[in-house]
Every structure is written in structure tokens, then in C-alpha cells.
Amino acid sequence: MTVLREPASPDRAERTPRPAPPLRRILAHANLEARILLSNGEQLTVAIALPAMVLIGLWLLPLGRLDGVPAIDTAVAATFATALISTSFTSQAIITGFDRRNGVLRWVATTPLGRGGYLAGKILATLATHVLQVLVLGVIALLIGWRPDLLGLLGALPVWLAGTVAFGALGLLVAGTLRTEAVLAVSNLVFVLLVAVGGVAFPTSSYPRILAGLVDLLPSGALGELLRACLASGPFSPGSALVLLAWAVAGVLAVVRWFRWTDS
């Protein structure tokens, strides 16, 4: 016996759920990622507290300074570099590593957001967190005597973007190739080493010649030198700009080649 079915009404068809537009999906995911970053005590410590400690320490102690440059200027340059690495590299590596272990990355691939939207949301969340870091740390620096130069701040913007790409790619590479437990240890250890002896807290001119050449080739050394050039009247090195850009390009290519979306 043939059963006749009533055709779906236009109203019923209109009530069928549809994915939000791509931009709205990406912005929603960016908002989620930013809230995760800023609501976690450990991540806040890495993003705000540790850079603030670097700022106060380098301002008070005779370390990492350039001749003839106010201590607060070199301290701010090192602090902003520390803040960038903490969020772009360490925080993103840890969060993405746990997302990968918990199957979030595999699940995302089956949703309308997709892998591209997931990564785009992460990038926007990182940039938003950077803005908050600069505002908070900038206010602290202003209170202790920092008087920024507008041209220097504008010059620091492309350096900041290149650094975000370079260290963000390195963070994703660590998260996408190592086991989660290793990601946690490696990201924190590398962060401490880069800040302490990788050209962030101390200019490369303060290292022995052989070590200075090695530090110059690190993304942290290039970032530190470029931010000191912009914010602390340090010498500008085209070589540092090329090194940072090379790390950014190589990091993106490495992520495309080796990043694994699952632990298996």
C-alpha cells in the first residue's frame, strides 16, 4: 500500500538549522579561545605576570641595558618580546596540545568551522590577547616612567606581526608533533631559555662573539633586537628582520607539512 506524505511546508524548511556565516563562526571561535586564554590562572601567569616581573626586574637591576638608553626603554622592549612569546608560543602550544589529545581537533574537522576556521580563530584570539597584554604592561611601564615614542610604536607593529606568525607557527608545530605531556614540558622550558639566554632579556652585544652569532640566528634574538631598535633606540639590523621573517615562513611551512590533528 502506498503511503502518501504531505510535502514539507516552506515554514518547516525555513526552520531547518543552517550553519552561521564563516566570519561569524571564526569570530565566535576566537572569542572562545580568548576566554580560555584569559580565564586560566596558569595562562594568565604566563601572559601577564611573568612579563610584568621581567619589566620590573630589568628596570631595577643593571641588566640587559644599552649604553645611553634609559633602563625603562630596554626593559619595555624585553617585556613586550616576552609577552609575545608567552602567548604566541607557550600558551598556544599547551592549549592546542591538550585539544589534540582530547580529540577536539578531530571533532573540529567534522564541523562547519573546519580546520581553517579553527586556526583563523586561534590567530584572532592570539592578537586580541596581545592587545590586552600591551595595554596592561604599557600602563605599568607608564606608571614607572616609560615615555613611548609614537614612531617607535608604529615601527614595532610589523615586527610584532612577524613575531606572532613565527612563534605561533612554532607553538603549533610543537603541539602538533609531540605528545601532550612533552608539549607541556618543552613549551615551558623553551620559553624560559629564550627569555633568559635567547636574546630577549639581554642584547646580543652582551654575549661573547661566538654565542652572539648563534643568538642572532634565533627568532627570539631577532625579535629582541628589532624591538630594542624600535622602542629603545637600539641599532637596527636588516639581518634580524630577515631572520625573523625566515623563521615565520619556515614555521608556517613546517606546520603545513608535519602538524598532526590527532595523537594516532
C-alpha atoms as a PDB file:
ATOM      1  CA  MET A   1       0.000   0.000   0.000  1.00  0.00           C
ATOM      2  CA  THR A   2       1.350   3.380  -0.950  1.00  0.00           C
ATOM      3  CA  VAL A   3       1.525   5.904   1.836  1.00  0.00           C
ATOM      4  CA  LEU A   4       1.076   9.492   0.810  1.00  0.00           C
ATOM      5  CA  ARG A   5       3.139  12.055   2.704  1.00  0.00           C
ATOM      6  CA  GLU A   6       2.333  15.689   2.973  1.00  0.00           C
ATOM      7  CA  PRO A   7       5.095  17.771   1.352  1.00  0.00           C
ATOM      8  CA  ALA A   8       7.176  19.850   3.725  1.00  0.00           C
ATOM      9  CA  SER A   9       5.822  23.331   4.095  1.00  0.00           C
ATOM     10  CA  PRO A  10       8.010  26.336   3.346  1.00  0.00           C
ATOM     11  CA  ASP A  11       7.822  27.326   7.013  1.00  0.00           C
ATOM     12  CA  ARG A  12       9.203  23.961   8.089  1.00  0.00           C
ATOM     13  CA  ALA A  13      12.054  24.236   5.581  1.00  0.00           C
ATOM     14  CA  GLU A  14      12.910  27.674   6.884  1.00  0.00           C
ATOM     15  CA  ARG A  15      13.188  26.288  10.417  1.00  0.00           C
ATOM     16  CA  THR A  16      15.915  23.826   9.377  1.00  0.00           C
ATOM     17  CA  PRO A  17      19.158  24.808  11.201  1.00  0.00           C
ATOM     18  CA  ARG A  18      21.825  26.259   8.957  1.00  0.00           C
ATOM     19  CA  PRO A  19      25.478  26.968   9.742  1.00  0.00           C
ATOM     20  CA  ALA A  20      26.330  30.540  10.613  1.00  0.00           C
ATOM     21  CA  PRO A  21      28.310  32.514   8.024  1.00  0.00           C
ATOM     22  CA  PRO A  22      32.058  31.706   8.027  1.00  0.00           C
ATOM     23  CA  LEU A  23      33.106  35.031   9.541  1.00  0.00           C
ATOM     24  CA  ARG A  24      30.647  34.661  12.410  1.00  0.00           C
ATOM     25  CA  ARG A  25      31.893  31.127  13.098  1.00  0.00           C
ATOM     26  CA  ILE A  26      35.505  32.288  13.168  1.00  0.00           C
ATOM     27  CA  LEU A  27      34.730  35.243  15.449  1.00  0.00           C
ATOM     28  CA  ALA A  28      32.774  33.002  17.816  1.00  0.00           C
ATOM     29  CA  HIS A  29      35.680  30.586  17.997  1.00  0.00           C
ATOM     30  CA  ALA A  30      38.142  33.454  18.509  1.00  0.00           C
ATOM     31  CA  ASN A  31      36.016  34.678  21.410  1.00  0.00           C
ATOM     32  CA  LEU A  32      36.046  31.189  22.929  1.00  0.00           C
ATOM     33  CA  GLU A  33      39.805  30.840  22.524  1.00  0.00           C
ATOM     34  CA  ALA A  34      40.427  34.267  24.062  1.00  0.00           C
ATOM     35  CA  ARG A  35      38.216  33.445  27.052  1.00  0.00           C
ATOM     36  CA  ILE A  36      40.075  30.185  27.567  1.00  0.00           C
ATOM     37  CA  LEU A  37      43.390  32.028  27.493  1.00  0.00           C
ATOM     38  CA  LEU A  38      42.274  34.734  29.907  1.00  0.00           C
ATOM     39  CA  SER A  39      40.260  32.609  32.332  1.00  0.00           C
ATOM     40  CA  ASN A  40      43.041  30.130  33.111  1.00  0.00           C
ATOM     41  CA  GLY A  41      45.242  31.114  36.032  1.00  0.00           C
ATOM     42  CA  GLU A  42      48.328  29.415  34.636  1.00  0.00           C
ATOM     43  CA  GLN A  43      47.910  31.097  31.255  1.00  0.00           C
ATOM     44  CA  LEU A  44      47.378  34.495  32.893  1.00  0.00           C
ATOM     45  CA  THR A  45      50.591  33.994  34.841  1.00  0.00           C
ATOM     46  CA  VAL A  46      52.489  33.301  31.630  1.00  0.00           C
ATOM     47  CA  ALA A  47      50.774  36.083  29.663  1.00  0.00           C
ATOM     48  CA  ILE A  48      50.780  38.907  32.210  1.00  0.00           C
ATOM     49  CA  ALA A  49      52.543  38.121  35.489  1.00  0.00           C
ATOM     50  CA  LEU A  50      55.852  36.827  34.100  1.00  0.00           C
ATOM     51  CA  PRO A  51      56.289  39.690  31.573  1.00  0.00           C
ATOM     52  CA  ALA A  52      55.472  42.164  34.360  1.00  0.00           C
ATOM     53  CA  MET A  53      58.185  40.566  36.515  1.00  0.00           C
ATOM     54  CA  VAL A  54      60.629  40.915  33.615  1.00  0.00           C
ATOM     55  CA  LEU A  55      59.669  44.586  33.303  1.00  0.00           C
ATOM     56  CA  ILE A  56      60.218  45.388  36.978  1.00  0.00           C
ATOM     57  CA  GLY A  57      63.366  43.286  37.228  1.00  0.00           C
ATOM     58  CA  LEU A  58      65.113  44.805  34.207  1.00  0.00           C
ATOM     59  CA  TRP A  59      64.047  48.289  35.274  1.00  0.00           C
ATOM     60  CA  LEU A  60      65.530  47.908  38.756  1.00  0.00           C
ATOM     61  CA  LEU A  61      68.592  45.778  38.040  1.00  0.00           C
ATOM     62  CA  PRO A  62      71.569  46.818  35.871  1.00  0.00           C
ATOM     63  CA  LEU A  63      70.927  44.076  33.344  1.00  0.00           C
ATOM     64  CA  GLY A  64      70.160  43.992  29.639  1.00  0.00           C
ATOM     65  CA  ARG A  65      70.754  47.704  29.110  1.00  0.00           C
ATOM     66  CA  LEU A  66      72.110  49.659  26.148  1.00  0.00           C
ATOM     67  CA  ASP A  67      74.612  52.463  26.646  1.00  0.00           C
ATOM     68  CA  GLY A  68      72.952  55.856  26.836  1.00  0.00           C
ATOM     69  CA  VAL A  69      69.423  54.413  26.781  1.00  0.00           C
ATOM     70  CA  PRO A  70      67.066  54.749  29.774  1.00  0.00           C
ATOM     71  CA  ALA A  71      66.668  51.461  31.626  1.00  0.00           C
ATOM     72  CA  ILE A  72      62.894  51.600  31.291  1.00  0.00           C
ATOM     73  CA  ASP A  73      63.125  51.614  27.475  1.00  0.00           C
ATOM     74  CA  THR A  74      65.228  48.452  27.245  1.00  0.00           C
ATOM     75  CA  ALA A  75      63.038  46.852  29.921  1.00  0.00           C
ATOM     76  CA  VAL A  76      59.871  47.576  27.928  1.00  0.00           C
ATOM     77  CA  ALA A  77      61.357  46.122  24.737  1.00  0.00           C
ATOM     78  CA  ALA A  78      62.326  42.915  26.536  1.00  0.00           C
ATOM     79  CA  THR A  79      58.950  42.780  28.274  1.00  0.00           C
ATOM     80  CA  PHE A  80      56.945  43.063  25.064  1.00  0.00           C
ATOM     81  CA  ALA A  81      59.080  40.360  23.450  1.00  0.00           C
ATOM     82  CA  THR A  82      58.479  38.138  26.491  1.00  0.00           C
ATOM     83  CA  ALA A  83      54.729  38.756  26.315  1.00  0.00           C
ATOM     84  CA  LEU A  84      54.623  37.899  22.614  1.00  0.00           C
ATOM     85  CA  ILE A  85      56.497  34.622  23.060  1.00  0.00           C
ATOM     86  CA  SER A  86      54.454  33.642  26.116  1.00  0.00           C
ATOM     87  CA  THR A  87      51.150  33.873  24.267  1.00  0.00           C
ATOM     88  CA  SER A  88      52.045  33.029  20.674  1.00  0.00           C
ATOM     89  CA  PHE A  89      54.313  30.123  21.525  1.00  0.00           C
ATOM     90  CA  THR A  90      53.838  28.760  25.050  1.00  0.00           C
ATOM     91  CA  SER A  91      50.113  29.275  25.624  1.00  0.00           C
ATOM     92  CA  GLN A  92      49.080  28.219  22.128  1.00  0.00           C
ATOM     93  CA  ALA A  93      51.305  25.141  22.236  1.00  0.00           C
ATOM     94  CA  ILE A  94      49.807  23.986  25.538  1.00  0.00           C
ATOM     95  CA  ILE A  95      46.166  24.692  24.641  1.00  0.00           C
ATOM     96  CA  THR A  96      46.445  23.159  21.175  1.00  0.00           C
ATOM     97  CA  GLY A  97      48.311  20.149  22.546  1.00  0.00           C
ATOM     98  CA  PHE A  98      45.515  19.378  25.010  1.00  0.00           C
ATOM     99  CA  ASP A  99      42.882  19.989  22.311  1.00  0.00           C
ATOM    100  CA  ARG A 100      44.672  17.442  20.159  1.00  0.00           C
ATOM    101  CA  ARG A 101      44.875  14.845  22.932  1.00  0.00           C
ATOM    102  CA  ASN A 102      41.222  15.297  23.881  1.00  0.00           C
ATOM    103  CA  GLY A 103      40.058  14.794  20.303  1.00  0.00           C
ATOM    104  CA  VAL A 104      38.920  18.395  19.814  1.00  0.00           C
ATOM    105  CA  LEU A 105      40.957  18.815  16.640  1.00  0.00           C
ATOM    106  CA  ARG A 106      39.495  15.648  15.114  1.00  0.00           C
ATOM    107  CA  TRP A 107      35.976  16.805  16.010  1.00  0.00           C
ATOM    108  CA  VAL A 108      36.559  20.311  14.606  1.00  0.00           C
ATOM    109  CA  ALA A 109      37.305  18.845  11.177  1.00  0.00           C
ATOM    110  CA  THR A 110      33.723  17.499  11.024  1.00  0.00           C
ATOM    111  CA  THR A 111      32.032  20.799  11.957  1.00  0.00           C
ATOM    112  CA  PRO A 112      31.177  23.794   9.752  1.00  0.00           C
ATOM    113  CA  LEU A 113      34.041  25.667  11.445  1.00  0.00           C
ATOM    114  CA  GLY A 114      36.590  23.338   9.856  1.00  0.00           C
ATOM    115  CA  ARG A 115      40.337  23.289  10.385  1.00  0.00           C
ATOM    116  CA  GLY A 116      40.887  26.580   8.586  1.00  0.00           C
ATOM    117  CA  GLY A 117      38.316  28.338  10.759  1.00  0.00           C
ATOM    118  CA  TYR A 118      39.841  26.780  13.873  1.00  0.00           C
ATOM    119  CA  LEU A 119      43.288  28.149  13.016  1.00  0.00           C
ATOM    120  CA  ALA A 120      41.888  31.549  11.995  1.00  0.00           C
ATOM    121  CA  GLY A 121      40.062  31.801  15.318  1.00  0.00           C
ATOM    122  CA  LYS A 122      43.267  30.971  17.168  1.00  0.00           C
ATOM    123  CA  ILE A 123      45.138  33.705  15.305  1.00  0.00           C
ATOM    124  CA  LEU A 124      42.499  36.314  16.134  1.00  0.00           C
ATOM    125  CA  ALA A 125      42.396  35.218  19.776  1.00  0.00           C
ATOM    126  CA  THR A 126      46.173  35.496  19.996  1.00  0.00           C
ATOM    127  CA  LEU A 127      46.146  39.004  18.534  1.00  0.00           C
ATOM    128  CA  ALA A 128      43.352  40.061  20.913  1.00  0.00           C
ATOM    129  CA  THR A 129      45.342  38.718  23.862  1.00  0.00           C
ATOM    130  CA  HIS A 130      48.387  40.618  22.630  1.00  0.00           C
ATOM    131  CA  VAL A 131      46.391  43.846  22.646  1.00  0.00           C
ATOM    132  CA  LEU A 132      45.383  43.239  26.270  1.00  0.00           C
ATOM    133  CA  GLN A 133      48.983  42.399  27.188  1.00  0.00           C
ATOM    134  CA  VAL A 134      50.305  45.588  25.626  1.00  0.00           C
ATOM    135  CA  LEU A 135      47.661  47.695  27.378  1.00  0.00           C
ATOM    136  CA  VAL A 136      48.265  46.189  30.821  1.00  0.00           C
ATOM    137  CA  LEU A 137      52.046  46.101  30.589  1.00  0.00           C
ATOM    138  CA  GLY A 138      52.105  49.518  28.906  1.00  0.00           C
ATOM    139  CA  VAL A 139      50.153  51.051  31.791  1.00  0.00           C
ATOM    140  CA  ILE A 140      52.578  49.534  34.299  1.00  0.00           C
ATOM    141  CA  ALA A 141      55.512  50.882  32.284  1.00  0.00           C
ATOM    142  CA  LEU A 142      53.949  54.344  32.090  1.00  0.00           C
ATOM    143  CA  LEU A 143      53.498  54.386  35.852  1.00  0.00           C
ATOM    144  CA  ILE A 144      57.207  53.747  36.404  1.00  0.00           C
ATOM    145  CA  GLY A 145      58.408  56.310  33.901  1.00  0.00           C
ATOM    146  CA  TRP A 146      58.155  54.985  30.341  1.00  0.00           C
ATOM    147  CA  ARG A 147      57.603  57.706  27.749  1.00  0.00           C
ATOM    148  CA  PRO A 148      56.997  55.951  24.414  1.00  0.00           C
ATOM    149  CA  ASP A 149      57.839  57.418  21.028  1.00  0.00           C
ATOM    150  CA  LEU A 150      54.975  57.243  18.528  1.00  0.00           C
ATOM    151  CA  LEU A 151      57.213  56.427  15.561  1.00  0.00           C
ATOM    152  CA  GLY A 152      58.861  53.669  17.540  1.00  0.00           C
ATOM    153  CA  LEU A 153      55.497  52.153  18.397  1.00  0.00           C
ATOM    154  CA  LEU A 154      54.433  52.249  14.753  1.00  0.00           C
ATOM    155  CA  GLY A 155      57.698  50.629  13.707  1.00  0.00           C
ATOM    156  CA  ALA A 156      57.141  47.868  16.252  1.00  0.00           C
ATOM    157  CA  LEU A 157      53.810  46.831  14.673  1.00  0.00           C
ATOM    158  CA  PRO A 158      55.225  44.883  11.670  1.00  0.00           C
ATOM    159  CA  VAL A 159      57.846  43.363  13.974  1.00  0.00           C
ATOM    160  CA  TRP A 160      55.072  42.261  16.323  1.00  0.00           C
ATOM    161  CA  LEU A 161      53.055  40.705  13.493  1.00  0.00           C
ATOM    162  CA  ALA A 162      56.062  38.841  12.097  1.00  0.00           C
ATOM    163  CA  GLY A 163      56.955  37.625  15.582  1.00  0.00           C
ATOM    164  CA  THR A 164      53.393  36.461  16.182  1.00  0.00           C
ATOM    165  CA  VAL A 165      53.467  34.384  12.983  1.00  0.00           C
ATOM    166  CA  ALA A 166      56.921  32.950  13.727  1.00  0.00           C
ATOM    167  CA  PHE A 167      56.274  31.947  17.329  1.00  0.00           C
ATOM    168  CA  GLY A 168      52.662  30.974  16.691  1.00  0.00           C
ATOM    169  CA  ALA A 169      53.818  28.565  13.995  1.00  0.00           C
ATOM    170  CA  LEU A 170      56.491  27.146  16.280  1.00  0.00           C
ATOM    171  CA  GLY A 171      53.904  26.674  19.031  1.00  0.00           C
ATOM    172  CA  LEU A 172      51.582  24.802  16.663  1.00  0.00           C
ATOM    173  CA  LEU A 173      54.495  22.710  15.429  1.00  0.00           C
ATOM    174  CA  VAL A 174      55.332  21.626  18.985  1.00  0.00           C
ATOM    175  CA  ALA A 175      51.658  20.942  19.763  1.00  0.00           C
ATOM    176  CA  GLY A 176      51.120  19.015  16.543  1.00  0.00           C
ATOM    177  CA  THR A 177      54.160  16.743  16.640  1.00  0.00           C
ATOM    178  CA  LEU A 178      54.801  15.871  20.312  1.00  0.00           C
ATOM    179  CA  ARG A 179      52.766  14.009  22.908  1.00  0.00           C
ATOM    180  CA  THR A 180      50.794  16.285  25.217  1.00  0.00           C
ATOM    181  CA  GLU A 181      52.977  15.638  28.256  1.00  0.00           C
ATOM    182  CA  ALA A 182      56.050  16.533  26.223  1.00  0.00           C
ATOM    183  CA  VAL A 183      54.347  19.660  24.849  1.00  0.00           C
ATOM    184  CA  LEU A 184      53.820  20.992  28.373  1.00  0.00           C
ATOM    185  CA  ALA A 185      57.444  20.448  29.365  1.00  0.00           C
ATOM    186  CA  VAL A 186      59.053  21.549  26.111  1.00  0.00           C
ATOM    187  CA  SER A 187      56.992  24.729  25.667  1.00  0.00           C
ATOM    188  CA  ASN A 188      57.715  25.971  29.193  1.00  0.00           C
ATOM    189  CA  LEU A 189      61.403  25.053  29.063  1.00  0.00           C
ATOM    190  CA  VAL A 190      61.933  26.668  25.662  1.00  0.00           C
ATOM    191  CA  PHE A 191      60.100  29.801  26.832  1.00  0.00           C
ATOM    192  CA  VAL A 192      62.393  30.207  29.849  1.00  0.00           C
ATOM    193  CA  LEU A 193      65.538  29.579  27.796  1.00  0.00           C
ATOM    194  CA  LEU A 194      64.562  32.010  25.039  1.00  0.00           C
ATOM    195  CA  VAL A 195      63.799  34.802  27.501  1.00  0.00           C
ATOM    196  CA  ALA A 196      66.827  34.192  29.717  1.00  0.00           C
ATOM    197  CA  VAL A 197      69.572  33.444  27.181  1.00  0.00           C
ATOM    198  CA  GLY A 198      67.933  33.695  23.761  1.00  0.00           C
ATOM    199  CA  GLY A 199      68.381  37.409  23.131  1.00  0.00           C
ATOM    200  CA  VAL A 200      65.185  38.682  24.772  1.00  0.00           C
ATOM    201  CA  ALA A 201      66.307  39.927  28.180  1.00  0.00           C
ATOM    202  CA  PHE A 202      69.858  40.724  27.054  1.00  0.00           C
ATOM    203  CA  PRO A 203      71.007  42.315  23.771  1.00  0.00           C
ATOM    204  CA  THR A 204      73.264  40.174  21.623  1.00  0.00           C
ATOM    205  CA  SER A 205      76.085  42.672  22.126  1.00  0.00           C
ATOM    206  CA  SER A 206      76.350  41.470  25.741  1.00  0.00           C
ATOM    207  CA  TYR A 207      77.181  37.885  24.683  1.00  0.00           C
ATOM    208  CA  PRO A 208      80.622  36.526  23.735  1.00  0.00           C
ATOM    209  CA  ARG A 209      81.197  36.749  19.986  1.00  0.00           C
ATOM    210  CA  ILE A 210      80.565  33.086  19.214  1.00  0.00           C
ATOM    211  CA  LEU A 211      77.382  32.947  21.269  1.00  0.00           C
ATOM    212  CA  ALA A 212      76.212  36.274  19.879  1.00  0.00           C
ATOM    213  CA  GLY A 213      76.326  34.828  16.363  1.00  0.00           C
ATOM    214  CA  LEU A 214      74.160  31.899  17.449  1.00  0.00           C
ATOM    215  CA  VAL A 215      71.672  34.093  19.313  1.00  0.00           C
ATOM    216  CA  ASP A 216      71.360  36.326  16.250  1.00  0.00           C
ATOM    217  CA  LEU A 217      70.030  33.325  14.331  1.00  0.00           C
ATOM    218  CA  LEU A 218      67.290  32.558  16.861  1.00  0.00           C
ATOM    219  CA  PRO A 219      63.794  34.026  16.368  1.00  0.00           C
ATOM    220  CA  SER A 220      63.950  35.316  19.938  1.00  0.00           C
ATOM    221  CA  GLY A 221      67.247  37.084  19.295  1.00  0.00           C
ATOM    222  CA  ALA A 222      65.913  38.680  16.119  1.00  0.00           C
ATOM    223  CA  LEU A 223      62.697  39.742  17.862  1.00  0.00           C
ATOM    224  CA  GLY A 224      64.581  41.204  20.815  1.00  0.00           C
ATOM    225  CA  GLU A 225      66.962  43.192  18.626  1.00  0.00           C
ATOM    226  CA  LEU A 226      64.173  44.574  16.438  1.00  0.00           C
ATOM    227  CA  LEU A 227      62.029  45.638  19.402  1.00  0.00           C
ATOM    228  CA  ARG A 228      65.035  47.289  21.036  1.00  0.00           C
ATOM    229  CA  ALA A 229      65.626  49.154  17.772  1.00  0.00           C
ATOM    230  CA  CYS A 230      62.014  50.360  17.742  1.00  0.00           C
ATOM    231  CA  LEU A 231      61.411  51.001  21.446  1.00  0.00           C
ATOM    232  CA  ALA A 232      64.860  51.622  22.924  1.00  0.00           C
ATOM    233  CA  SER A 233      66.749  53.480  20.191  1.00  0.00           C
ATOM    234  CA  GLY A 234      68.919  50.436  19.564  1.00  0.00           C
ATOM    235  CA  PRO A 235      70.737  49.802  16.277  1.00  0.00           C
ATOM    236  CA  PHE A 236      68.506  48.446  13.509  1.00  0.00           C
ATOM    237  CA  SER A 237      69.791  45.271  11.877  1.00  0.00           C
ATOM    238  CA  PRO A 238      68.347  44.238   8.492  1.00  0.00           C
ATOM    239  CA  GLY A 239      69.760  40.803   9.234  1.00  0.00           C
ATOM    240  CA  SER A 240      67.489  40.478  12.273  1.00  0.00           C
ATOM    241  CA  ALA A 241      64.468  41.331  10.133  1.00  0.00           C
ATOM    242  CA  LEU A 242      65.444  38.669   7.582  1.00  0.00           C
ATOM    243  CA  VAL A 243      65.990  36.075  10.330  1.00  0.00           C
ATOM    244  CA  LEU A 244      62.567  36.725  11.881  1.00  0.00           C
ATOM    245  CA  LEU A 245      60.823  36.575   8.508  1.00  0.00           C
ATOM    246  CA  ALA A 246      62.704  33.378   7.621  1.00  0.00           C
ATOM    247  CA  TRP A 247      61.541  31.756  10.868  1.00  0.00           C
ATOM    248  CA  ALA A 248      57.972  32.865  10.161  1.00  0.00           C
ATOM    249  CA  VAL A 249      57.955  31.380   6.656  1.00  0.00           C
ATOM    250  CA  ALA A 250      59.772  28.203   7.699  1.00  0.00           C
ATOM    251  CA  GLY A 251      57.458  27.759  10.681  1.00  0.00           C
ATOM    252  CA  VAL A 252      54.311  28.014   8.577  1.00  0.00           C
ATOM    253  CA  LEU A 253      55.673  25.554   6.004  1.00  0.00           C
ATOM    254  CA  ALA A 254      56.690  23.142   8.773  1.00  0.00           C
ATOM    255  CA  VAL A 255      53.197  23.279  10.309  1.00  0.00           C
ATOM    256  CA  VAL A 256      51.615  22.568   6.923  1.00  0.00           C
ATOM    257  CA  ARG A 257      53.963  19.624   6.429  1.00  0.00           C
ATOM    258  CA  TRP A 258      54.161  17.982   9.858  1.00  0.00           C
ATOM    259  CA  PHE A 259      51.243  19.127  12.034  1.00  0.00           C
ATOM    260  CA  ARG A 260      49.100  16.117  13.071  1.00  0.00           C
ATOM    261  CA  TRP A 261      45.477  16.692  14.033  1.00  0.00           C
ATOM    262  CA  THR A 262      45.257  13.526  16.120  1.00  0.00           C
ATOM    263  CA  ASP A 263      47.535  11.662  18.534  1.00  0.00           C
ATOM    264  CA  SER A 264      47.339   8.498  16.443  1.00  0.00           C
END
